């Protein structure tokens, strides 16, 4: 199960973990993903998406159908 947002395409990035002595080791910054079920009123069915919390804010603002069409136009879905 990959850690990639279904709508925005956000995924894990790498960086350095810096200790108190300034020693650097590699680490990963994972996105804040949530598995949510959404109801599509046009088709009358439920879909399950793994979305980031920023995508949830976008869905709350513009609606699920507009968010899906934006993702299709952008090419991430």
PDB file of N, CA and C in Angstrom:
ATOM      1  N   UNK A   1       0.847  -1.161   0.000  1.00  0.00           N
ATOM      2  CA  UNK A   1       0.000   0.000   0.000  1.00  0.00           C
ATOM      3  C   UNK A   1       0.899   1.232   0.000  1.00  0.00           C
ATOM      4  N   UNK A   2       0.856   1.982  -1.075  1.00  0.00           N
ATOM      5  CA  UNK A   2       1.753   3.119  -1.214  1.00  0.00           C
ATOM      6  C   UNK A   2       1.232   4.324  -0.440  1.00  0.00           C
ATOM      7  N   UNK A   3       2.160   5.162  -0.037  1.00  0.00           N
ATOM      8  CA  UNK A   3       1.814   6.377   0.708  1.00  0.00           C
ATOM      9  C   UNK A   3       1.730   7.558  -0.240  1.00  0.00           C
ATOM     10  N   UNK A   4       0.748   7.517  -1.149  1.00  0.00           N
ATOM     11  CA  UNK A   4       0.547   8.574  -2.125  1.00  0.00           C
ATOM     12  C   UNK A   4      -0.912   9.001  -2.074  1.00  0.00           C
ATOM     13  N   UNK A   5      -1.155  10.306  -2.050  1.00  0.00           N
ATOM     14  CA  UNK A   5      -2.514  10.840  -2.043  1.00  0.00           C
ATOM     15  C   UNK A   5      -3.156  10.577  -3.408  1.00  0.00           C
ATOM     16  N   UNK A   6      -4.403  10.111  -3.410  1.00  0.00           N
ATOM     17  CA  UNK A   6      -5.099   9.794  -4.652  1.00  0.00           C
ATOM     18  C   UNK A   6      -5.468  11.038  -5.444  1.00  0.00           C
ATOM     19  N   UNK A   7      -5.692  12.154  -4.782  1.00  0.00           N
ATOM     20  CA  UNK A   7      -6.128  13.356  -5.487  1.00  0.00           C
ATOM     21  C   UNK A   7      -4.988  14.308  -5.820  1.00  0.00           C
ATOM     22  N   UNK A   8      -4.105  14.573  -4.875  1.00  0.00           N
ATOM     23  CA  UNK A   8      -3.060  15.563  -5.106  1.00  0.00           C
ATOM     24  C   UNK A   8      -1.747  14.951  -5.578  1.00  0.00           C
ATOM     25  N   UNK A   9      -1.545  13.672  -5.361  1.00  0.00           N
ATOM     26  CA  UNK A   9      -0.292  13.032  -5.748  1.00  0.00           C
ATOM     27  C   UNK A   9       0.839  13.255  -4.766  1.00  0.00           C
ATOM     28  N   UNK A  10       0.531  13.772  -3.580  1.00  0.00           N
ATOM     29  CA  UNK A  10       1.576  13.983  -2.573  1.00  0.00           C
ATOM     30  C   UNK A  10       2.147  12.636  -2.153  1.00  0.00           C
ATOM     31  N   UNK A  11       3.485  12.604  -1.960  1.00  0.00           N
ATOM     32  CA  UNK A  11       4.137  11.380  -1.523  1.00  0.00           C
ATOM     33  C   UNK A  11       5.270  11.725  -0.567  1.00  0.00           C
ATOM     34  N   UNK A  12       5.918  10.705  -0.036  1.00  0.00           N
ATOM     35  CA  UNK A  12       6.972  10.902   0.946  1.00  0.00           C
ATOM     36  C   UNK A  12       8.183  11.548   0.301  1.00  0.00           C
ATOM     37  N   UNK A  13       8.837  12.433   1.062  1.00  0.00           N
ATOM     38  CA  UNK A  13      10.089  13.038   0.621  1.00  0.00           C
ATOM     39  C   UNK A  13      11.164  12.682   1.643  1.00  0.00           C
ATOM     40  N   UNK A  14      12.425  12.813   1.235  1.00  0.00           N
ATOM     41  CA  UNK A  14      13.517  12.467   2.129  1.00  0.00           C
ATOM     42  C   UNK A  14      14.208  13.718   2.627  1.00  0.00           C
ATOM     43  N   UNK A  15      14.855  13.569   3.757  1.00  0.00           N
ATOM     44  CA  UNK A  15      15.595  14.665   4.357  1.00  0.00           C
ATOM     45  C   UNK A  15      16.574  14.121   5.372  1.00  0.00           C
ATOM     46  N   UNK A  16      17.093  14.982   6.191  1.00  0.00           N
ATOM     47  CA  UNK A  16      18.066  14.590   7.197  1.00  0.00           C
ATOM     48  C   UNK A  16      17.486  14.705   8.590  1.00  0.00           C
ATOM     49  N   UNK A  17      17.788  13.694   9.416  1.00  0.00           N
ATOM     50  CA  UNK A  17      17.529  13.792  10.841  1.00  0.00           C
ATOM     51  C   UNK A  17      18.815  14.321  11.451  1.00  0.00           C
ATOM     52  N   UNK A  18      18.729  15.437  12.158  1.00  0.00           N
ATOM     53  CA  UNK A  18      19.926  16.097  12.691  1.00  0.00           C
ATOM     54  C   UNK A  18      19.936  15.929  14.200  1.00  0.00           C
ATOM     55  N   UNK A  19      20.997  15.317  14.716  1.00  0.00           N
ATOM     56  CA  UNK A  19      21.105  15.091  16.149  1.00  0.00           C
ATOM     57  C   UNK A  19      21.629  16.341  16.845  1.00  0.00           C
ATOM     58  N   UNK A  20      21.723  16.264  18.144  1.00  0.00           N
ATOM     59  CA  UNK A  20      22.233  17.391  18.918  1.00  0.00           C
ATOM     60  C   UNK A  20      23.687  17.689  18.569  1.00  0.00           C
ATOM     61  N   UNK A  21      24.433  16.641  18.220  1.00  0.00           N
ATOM     62  CA  UNK A  21      25.839  16.834  17.839  1.00  0.00           C
ATOM     63  C   UNK A  21      25.983  17.174  16.354  1.00  0.00           C
ATOM     64  N   UNK A  22      24.873  17.449  15.682  1.00  0.00           N
ATOM     65  CA  UNK A  22      24.814  17.867  14.271  1.00  0.00           C
ATOM     66  C   UNK A  22      25.183  16.732  13.310  1.00  0.00           C
ATOM     67  N   UNK A  23      25.053  15.489  13.762  1.00  0.00           N
ATOM     68  CA  UNK A  23      25.247  14.343  12.883  1.00  0.00           C
ATOM     69  C   UNK A  23      23.972  14.144  12.071  1.00  0.00           C
ATOM     70  N   UNK A  24      24.116  13.862  10.780  1.00  0.00           N
ATOM     71  CA  UNK A  24      22.954  13.775   9.893  1.00  0.00           C
ATOM     72  C   UNK A  24      22.765  12.353   9.392  1.00  0.00           C
ATOM     73  N   UNK A  25      21.554  11.851   9.534  1.00  0.00           N
ATOM     74  CA  UNK A  25      21.171  10.558   8.978  1.00  0.00           C
ATOM     75  C   UNK A  25      19.886  10.745   8.188  1.00  0.00           C
ATOM     76  N   UNK A  26      19.681   9.898   7.204  1.00  0.00           N
ATOM     77  CA  UNK A  26      18.520  10.042   6.325  1.00  0.00           C
ATOM     78  C   UNK A  26      17.238   9.657   7.047  1.00  0.00           C
ATOM     79  N   UNK A  27      16.156  10.343   6.705  1.00  0.00           N
ATOM     80  CA  UNK A  27      14.824  10.035   7.223  1.00  0.00           C
ATOM     81  C   UNK A  27      13.803  10.350   6.156  1.00  0.00           C
ATOM     82  N   UNK A  28      12.548   9.958   6.397  1.00  0.00           N
ATOM     83  CA  UNK A  28      11.464  10.210   5.449  1.00  0.00           C
ATOM     84  C   UNK A  28      10.414  11.089   6.093  1.00  0.00           C
ATOM     85  N   UNK A  29       9.864  12.004   5.297  1.00  0.00           N
ATOM     86  CA  UNK A  29       8.740  12.825   5.714  1.00  0.00           C
ATOM     87  C   UNK A  29       7.515  12.307   4.978  1.00  0.00           C
ATOM     88  N   UNK A  30       6.646  11.595   5.686  1.00  0.00           N
ATOM     89  CA  UNK A  30       5.456  11.023   5.069  1.00  0.00           C
ATOM     90  C   UNK A  30       4.303  12.025   5.102  1.00  0.00           C
ATOM     91  N   UNK A  31       3.448  12.021   4.075  1.00  0.00           N
ATOM     92  CA  UNK A  31       2.284  12.906   4.102  1.00  0.00           C
ATOM     93  C   UNK A  31       1.242  12.388   5.084  1.00  0.00           C
ATOM     94  N   UNK A  32       0.390  13.287   5.535  1.00  0.00           N
ATOM     95  CA  UNK A  32      -0.665  12.933   6.477  1.00  0.00           C
ATOM     96  C   UNK A  32      -1.857  12.396   5.672  1.00  0.00           C
ATOM     97  N   UNK A  33      -1.898  11.073   5.482  1.00  0.00           N
ATOM     98  CA  UNK A  33      -2.935  10.449   4.655  1.00  0.00           C
ATOM     99  C   UNK A  33      -4.031   9.851   5.510  1.00  0.00           C
ATOM    100  N   UNK A  34      -5.247   9.970   5.031  1.00  0.00           N
ATOM    101  CA  UNK A  34      -6.426   9.412   5.691  1.00  0.00           C
ATOM    102  C   UNK A  34      -7.221   8.621   4.657  1.00  0.00           C
ATOM    103  N   UNK A  35      -7.762   7.490   5.065  1.00  0.00           N
ATOM    104  CA  UNK A  35      -8.629   6.704   4.188  1.00  0.00           C
ATOM    105  C   UNK A  35     -10.069   7.124   4.483  1.00  0.00           C
ATOM    106  N   UNK A  36     -10.745   7.668   3.466  1.00  0.00           N
ATOM    107  CA  UNK A  36     -12.096   8.203   3.649  1.00  0.00           C
ATOM    108  C   UNK A  36     -13.017   7.656   2.571  1.00  0.00           C
ATOM    109  N   UNK A  37     -14.291   7.543   2.924  1.00  0.00           N
ATOM    110  CA  UNK A  37     -15.321   7.166   1.961  1.00  0.00           C
ATOM    111  C   UNK A  37     -16.113   8.409   1.598  1.00  0.00           C
ATOM    112  N   UNK A  38     -16.341   8.602   0.296  1.00  0.00           N
ATOM    113  CA  UNK A  38     -17.070   9.753  -0.203  1.00  0.00           C
ATOM    114  C   UNK A  38     -18.257   9.269  -1.021  1.00  0.00           C
ATOM    115  N   UNK A  39     -19.357  10.009  -0.935  1.00  0.00           N
ATOM    116  CA  UNK A  39     -20.562   9.683  -1.691  1.00  0.00           C
ATOM    117  C   UNK A  39     -20.618  10.557  -2.936  1.00  0.00           C
ATOM    118  N   UNK A  40     -20.749   9.925  -4.081  1.00  0.00           N
ATOM    119  CA  UNK A  40     -20.906  10.641  -5.345  1.00  0.00           C
ATOM    120  C   UNK A  40     -22.392  10.730  -5.665  1.00  0.00           C
ATOM    121  N   UNK A  41     -22.993  11.921  -5.566  1.00  0.00           N
ATOM    122  CA  UNK A  41     -24.438  12.022  -5.786  1.00  0.00           C
ATOM    123  C   UNK A  41     -24.840  11.795  -7.238  1.00  0.00           C
ATOM    124  N   UNK A  42     -23.937  12.030  -8.201  1.00  0.00           N
ATOM    125  CA  UNK A  42     -24.283  11.836  -9.605  1.00  0.00           C
ATOM    126  C   UNK A  42     -24.519  10.370  -9.925  1.00  0.00           C
ATOM    127  N   UNK A  43     -23.655   9.509  -9.386  1.00  0.00           N
ATOM    128  CA  UNK A  43     -23.785   8.080  -9.660  1.00  0.00           C
ATOM    129  C   UNK A  43     -24.506   7.331  -8.551  1.00  0.00           C
ATOM    130  N   UNK A  44     -24.607   7.956  -7.379  1.00  0.00           N
ATOM    131  CA  UNK A  44     -25.279   7.314  -6.253  1.00  0.00           C
ATOM    132  C   UNK A  44     -24.460   6.219  -5.600  1.00  0.00           C
ATOM    133  N   UNK A  45     -23.150   6.280  -5.687  1.00  0.00           N
ATOM    134  CA  UNK A  45     -22.308   5.246  -5.104  1.00  0.00           C
ATOM    135  C   UNK A  45     -21.252   5.859  -4.202  1.00  0.00           C
ATOM    136  N   UNK A  46     -20.677   5.023  -3.345  1.00  0.00           N
ATOM    137  CA  UNK A  46     -19.621   5.419  -2.432  1.00  0.00           C
ATOM    138  C   UNK A  46     -18.282   5.016  -3.024  1.00  0.00           C
ATOM    139  N   UNK A  47     -17.255   5.871  -2.863  1.00  0.00           N
ATOM    140  CA  UNK A  47     -15.900   5.526  -3.266  1.00  0.00           C
ATOM    141  C   UNK A  47     -14.980   5.724  -2.068  1.00  0.00           C
ATOM    142  N   UNK A  48     -13.937   4.907  -2.008  1.00  0.00           N
ATOM    143  CA  UNK A  48     -12.959   5.000  -0.942  1.00  0.00           C
ATOM    144  C   UNK A  48     -11.670   5.557  -1.535  1.00  0.00           C
ATOM    145  N   UNK A  49     -11.174   6.640  -0.948  1.00  0.00           N
ATOM    146  CA  UNK A  49      -9.956   7.285  -1.410  1.00  0.00           C
ATOM    147  C   UNK A  49      -8.994   7.456  -0.254  1.00  0.00           C
ATOM    148  N   UNK A  50      -7.696   7.378  -0.565  1.00  0.00           N
ATOM    149  CA  UNK A  50      -6.657   7.700   0.397  1.00  0.00           C
ATOM    150  C   UNK A  50      -6.191   9.110   0.078  1.00  0.00           C
ATOM    151  N   UNK A  51      -6.591  10.080   0.897  1.00  0.00           N
ATOM    152  CA  UNK A  51      -6.330  11.485   0.605  1.00  0.00           C
ATOM    153  C   UNK A  51      -5.550  12.131   1.743  1.00  0.00           C
ATOM    154  N   UNK A  52      -4.799  13.165   1.399  1.00  0.00           N
ATOM    155  CA  UNK A  52      -4.090  13.941   2.413  1.00  0.00           C
ATOM    156  C   UNK A  52      -5.076  14.895   3.078  1.00  0.00           C
ATOM    157  N   UNK A  53      -4.673  15.441   4.200  1.00  0.00           N
ATOM    158  CA  UNK A  53      -5.571  16.334   4.927  1.00  0.00           C
ATOM    159  C   UNK A  53      -5.768  17.638   4.175  1.00  0.00           C
ATOM    160  N   UNK A  54      -4.766  18.068   3.396  1.00  0.00           N
ATOM    161  CA  UNK A  54      -4.965  19.262   2.578  1.00  0.00           C
ATOM    162  C   UNK A  54      -5.972  18.996   1.468  1.00  0.00           C
ATOM    163  N   UNK A  55      -6.003  17.772   0.948  1.00  0.00           N
ATOM    164  CA  UNK A  55      -7.008  17.414  -0.055  1.00  0.00           C
ATOM    165  C   UNK A  55      -8.402  17.360   0.570  1.00  0.00           C
ATOM    166  N   UNK A  56      -8.488  16.960   1.840  1.00  0.00           N
ATOM    167  CA  UNK A  56      -9.783  16.968   2.537  1.00  0.00           C
ATOM    168  C   UNK A  56     -10.320  18.386   2.659  1.00  0.00           C
ATOM    169  N   UNK A  57      -9.430  19.350   2.936  1.00  0.00           N
ATOM    170  CA  UNK A  57      -9.869  20.739   3.015  1.00  0.00           C
ATOM    171  C   UNK A  57     -10.365  21.224   1.659  1.00  0.00           C
ATOM    172  N   UNK A  58      -9.697  20.793   0.586  1.00  0.00           N
ATOM    173  CA  UNK A  58     -10.129  21.161  -0.758  1.00  0.00           C
ATOM    174  C   UNK A  58     -11.477  20.549  -1.083  1.00  0.00           C
ATOM    175  N   UNK A  59     -11.679  19.292  -0.693  1.00  0.00           N
ATOM    176  CA  UNK A  59     -12.960  18.612  -0.934  1.00  0.00           C
ATOM    177  C   UNK A  59     -14.076  19.317  -0.174  1.00  0.00           C
ATOM    178  N   UNK A  60     -13.804  19.727   1.061  1.00  0.00           N
ATOM    179  CA  UNK A  60     -14.819  20.442   1.834  1.00  0.00           C
ATOM    180  C   UNK A  60     -15.162  21.786   1.214  1.00  0.00           C
ATOM    181  N   UNK A  61     -14.189  22.392   0.539  1.00  0.00           N
ATOM    182  CA  UNK A  61     -14.396  23.713  -0.041  1.00  0.00           C
ATOM    183  C   UNK A  61     -15.118  23.648  -1.386  1.00  0.00           C
ATOM    184  N   UNK A  62     -14.662  22.768  -2.301  1.00  0.00           N
ATOM    185  CA  UNK A  62     -15.216  22.776  -3.657  1.00  0.00           C
ATOM    186  C   UNK A  62     -16.111  21.585  -3.970  1.00  0.00           C
ATOM    187  N   UNK A  63     -16.097  20.547  -3.131  1.00  0.00           N
ATOM    188  CA  UNK A  63     -16.920  19.369  -3.375  1.00  0.00           C
ATOM    189  C   UNK A  63     -16.105  18.240  -3.986  1.00  0.00           C
ATOM    190  N   UNK A  64     -16.606  17.016  -3.815  1.00  0.00           N
ATOM    191  CA  UNK A  64     -15.856  15.841  -4.240  1.00  0.00           C
ATOM    192  C   UNK A  64     -15.797  15.720  -5.754  1.00  0.00           C
ATOM    193  N   UNK A  65     -16.877  16.073  -6.457  1.00  0.00           N
ATOM    194  CA  UNK A  65     -16.877  15.898  -7.913  1.00  0.00           C
ATOM    195  C   UNK A  65     -15.919  16.879  -8.582  1.00  0.00           C
ATOM    196  N   UNK A  66     -15.893  18.128  -8.107  1.00  0.00           N
ATOM    197  CA  UNK A  66     -14.955  19.100  -8.667  1.00  0.00           C
ATOM    198  C   UNK A  66     -13.509  18.740  -8.337  1.00  0.00           C
ATOM    199  N   UNK A  67     -13.281  18.183  -7.140  1.00  0.00           N
ATOM    200  CA  UNK A  67     -11.930  17.784  -6.763  1.00  0.00           C
ATOM    201  C   UNK A  67     -11.450  16.627  -7.640  1.00  0.00           C
ATOM    202  N   UNK A  68     -12.342  15.703  -7.966  1.00  0.00           N
ATOM    203  CA  UNK A  68     -11.969  14.571  -8.829  1.00  0.00           C
ATOM    204  C   UNK A  68     -11.697  15.051 -10.248  1.00  0.00           C
ATOM    205  N   UNK A  69     -12.523  15.980 -10.751  1.00  0.00           N
ATOM    206  CA  UNK A  69     -12.282  16.477 -12.106  1.00  0.00           C
ATOM    207  C   UNK A  69     -10.980  17.273 -12.184  1.00  0.00           C
ATOM    208  N   UNK A  70     -10.639  18.021 -11.124  1.00  0.00           N
ATOM    209  CA  UNK A  70      -9.360  18.735 -11.094  1.00  0.00           C
ATOM    210  C   UNK A  70      -8.191  17.745 -11.110  1.00  0.00           C
ATOM    211  N   UNK A  71      -8.333  16.645 -10.361  1.00  0.00           N
ATOM    212  CA  UNK A  71      -7.263  15.651 -10.310  1.00  0.00           C
ATOM    213  C   UNK A  71      -7.105  14.971 -11.664  1.00  0.00           C
ATOM    214  N   UNK A  72      -8.194  14.734 -12.357  1.00  0.00           N
ATOM    215  CA  UNK A  72      -8.119  14.125 -13.688  1.00  0.00           C
ATOM    216  C   UNK A  72      -7.452  15.076 -14.661  1.00  0.00           C
ATOM    217  N   UNK A  73      -7.811  16.356 -14.620  1.00  0.00           N
ATOM    218  CA  UNK A  73      -7.204  17.339 -15.523  1.00  0.00           C
ATOM    219  C   UNK A  73      -5.713  17.526 -15.235  1.00  0.00           C
ATOM    220  N   UNK A  74      -5.347  17.456 -13.946  1.00  0.00           N
ATOM    221  CA  UNK A  74      -3.952  17.609 -13.573  1.00  0.00           C
ATOM    222  C   UNK A  74      -3.139  16.372 -13.936  1.00  0.00           C
ATOM    223  N   UNK A  75      -3.808  15.225 -13.989  1.00  0.00           N
ATOM    224  CA  UNK A  75      -3.132  13.987 -14.368  1.00  0.00           C
ATOM    225  C   UNK A  75      -2.715  13.113 -13.212  1.00  0.00           C
ATOM    226  N   UNK A  76      -3.108  13.441 -11.994  1.00  0.00           N
ATOM    227  CA  UNK A  76      -2.712  12.624 -10.853  1.00  0.00           C
ATOM    228  C   UNK A  76      -3.706  11.510 -10.549  1.00  0.00           C
ATOM    229  N   UNK A  77      -4.839  11.495 -11.224  1.00  0.00           N
ATOM    230  CA  UNK A  77      -5.830  10.437 -10.983  1.00  0.00           C
ATOM    231  C   UNK A  77      -6.064   9.654 -12.245  1.00  0.00           C
TER     232      UNK A  77
END
